[in-house]
Amino acid sequence: MPIFAAMAARRPDFFVNSGDTVYADNPLKETVTLPDGRIWRNVVTPEKLKVAETLDEYRGQFAYNLLDPKYRESASQVPMFVQWDDHEVVNNWYPGEILDYCLPGAQ
């Protein structure tokens, strides 16, 4: 995540991360075929290979970002205020919303 090195270089007093800090509702694929036929290979952890359902899996989703050295260095130097959004739970979730596909037994 090169953007974090660029931001840290400006020595901000703090950073507000307004959502989309993880995508706990979307598993990360190990490989993706690009339009030109090349194969992109993602770095994956067991927690990123499935939708997060347990506390340990959610922790693993957030720990995944710390694998990136630029993110890790920035996080060690710049205080971060993080706001969760729907992807940290279920996409398009909000209080009171009931998504049919999230209900047990729903297709």
Protein backbone atom coordinates (compact mmCIF):
# COMPACT_ATOMS: atom_id res chain seq x y z
CA MET A 1 0.00 0.00 0.00
CA PRO A 2 2.34 2.74 -1.24
CA ILE A 3 -0.12 5.50 -0.32
CA PHE A 4 0.66 5.00 3.37
CA ALA A 5 4.35 5.81 2.83
CA ALA A 6 3.39 8.95 0.91
CA MET A 7 1.04 10.06 3.70
CA ALA A 8 3.55 9.30 6.48
CA ALA A 9 6.23 11.31 4.63
CA ARG A 10 4.07 14.40 5.16
CA ARG A 11 4.18 13.80 8.92
CA PRO A 12 0.44 14.27 9.63
CA ASP A 13 -0.83 14.74 13.17
CA PHE A 14 -3.29 11.89 12.61
CA PHE A 15 -5.05 9.88 9.90
CA VAL A 16 -8.82 9.29 9.66
CA ASN A 17 -9.55 5.98 7.94
CA SER A 18 -13.20 6.26 7.02
CA GLY A 19 -14.26 2.70 6.36
CA ASP A 20 -13.24 -0.07 4.00
CA THR A 21 -10.35 -0.95 6.27
CA VAL A 22 -10.98 -4.65 5.58
CA TYR A 23 -13.40 -6.57 3.43
CA ALA A 24 -14.41 -9.21 5.97
CA ASP A 25 -17.44 -10.13 3.87
CA ASN A 26 -15.49 -11.04 0.71
CA PRO A 27 -12.93 -13.85 0.64
CA LEU A 28 -9.65 -13.04 -1.08
CA LYS A 29 -8.86 -15.30 -4.02
CA GLU A 30 -5.37 -16.80 -4.18
CA THR A 31 -5.17 -16.12 -7.93
CA VAL A 32 -7.01 -13.85 -10.35
CA THR A 33 -6.83 -14.11 -14.14
CA LEU A 34 -6.27 -10.65 -15.60
CA PRO A 35 -7.93 -9.52 -18.87
CA ASP A 36 -4.69 -10.14 -20.79
CA GLY A 37 -4.48 -13.72 -19.47
CA ARG A 38 -1.74 -13.12 -16.91
CA ILE A 39 -2.25 -14.52 -13.42
CA TRP A 40 -2.19 -12.18 -10.41
CA ARG A 41 -1.22 -13.95 -7.18
CA ASN A 42 -2.45 -12.50 -3.90
CA VAL A 43 -0.72 -12.97 -0.59
CA VAL A 44 -3.32 -14.77 1.50
CA THR A 45 -3.79 -15.91 5.07
CA PRO A 46 -6.32 -18.47 6.29
CA GLU A 47 -8.54 -15.66 7.62
CA LYS A 48 -8.66 -13.91 4.21
CA LEU A 49 -9.73 -17.08 2.37
CA LYS A 50 -13.25 -17.02 3.85
CA VAL A 51 -15.90 -14.67 5.16
CA ALA A 52 -15.05 -13.71 8.73
CA GLU A 53 -17.43 -15.27 11.24
CA THR A 54 -15.46 -15.58 14.47
CA LEU A 55 -13.58 -13.06 16.58
CA ASP A 56 -10.27 -14.65 15.57
CA GLU A 57 -11.23 -14.41 11.89
CA TYR A 58 -12.11 -10.71 12.28
CA ARG A 59 -8.81 -10.11 14.03
CA GLY A 60 -7.09 -11.92 11.17
CA GLN A 61 -8.82 -9.63 8.67
CA PHE A 62 -7.37 -6.57 10.39
CA ALA A 63 -3.96 -8.21 10.95
CA TYR A 64 -3.71 -8.88 7.21
CA ASN A 65 -3.09 -5.17 6.52
CA LEU A 66 -0.09 -5.32 8.85
CA LEU A 67 1.65 -7.67 6.40
CA ASP A 68 2.33 -4.61 4.23
CA PRO A 69 5.54 -2.87 5.39
CA LYS A 70 4.40 0.61 4.29
CA TYR A 71 1.11 0.27 6.16
CA ARG A 72 2.92 -1.10 9.22
CA GLU A 73 5.49 1.71 9.24
CA SER A 74 2.81 4.38 8.80
CA ALA A 75 0.71 2.86 11.59
CA SER A 76 3.73 2.99 13.90
CA GLN A 77 4.24 6.72 13.26
CA VAL A 78 0.80 8.24 12.67
CA PRO A 79 -2.16 7.94 15.06
CA MET A 80 -5.13 6.45 13.22
CA PHE A 81 -8.82 6.94 13.90
CA VAL A 82 -10.75 4.17 12.17
CA GLN A 83 -14.44 4.16 11.30
CA TRP A 84 -15.98 0.84 10.37
CA ASP A 85 -18.38 0.52 7.48
CA ASP A 86 -20.57 -2.19 5.98
CA HIS A 87 -17.73 -4.33 4.59
CA GLU A 88 -16.46 -4.97 8.09
CA VAL A 89 -19.69 -6.91 8.70
CA VAL A 90 -21.82 -7.58 5.60
CA ASN A 91 -21.91 -5.43 2.47
CA ASN A 92 -24.81 -2.93 2.54
CA TRP A 93 -25.58 -3.67 6.18
CA TYR A 94 -26.98 -0.96 8.41
CA PRO A 95 -28.84 -1.02 11.76
CA GLY A 96 -32.28 -2.54 11.33
CA GLU A 97 -31.59 -3.93 7.85
CA ILE A 98 -32.34 -7.60 7.31
CA LEU A 99 -30.60 -9.03 4.28
CA ASP A 100 -32.30 -12.21 3.08
CA TYR A 101 -29.07 -13.81 1.91
CA CYS A 102 -27.66 -13.54 5.44
CA LEU A 103 -30.41 -15.49 7.10
CA PRO A 104 -29.67 -19.12 8.02
CA GLY A 105 -30.81 -21.39 5.22
CA ALA A 106 -31.29 -18.52 2.74
CA GLN A 107 -30.00 -19.01 -0.79
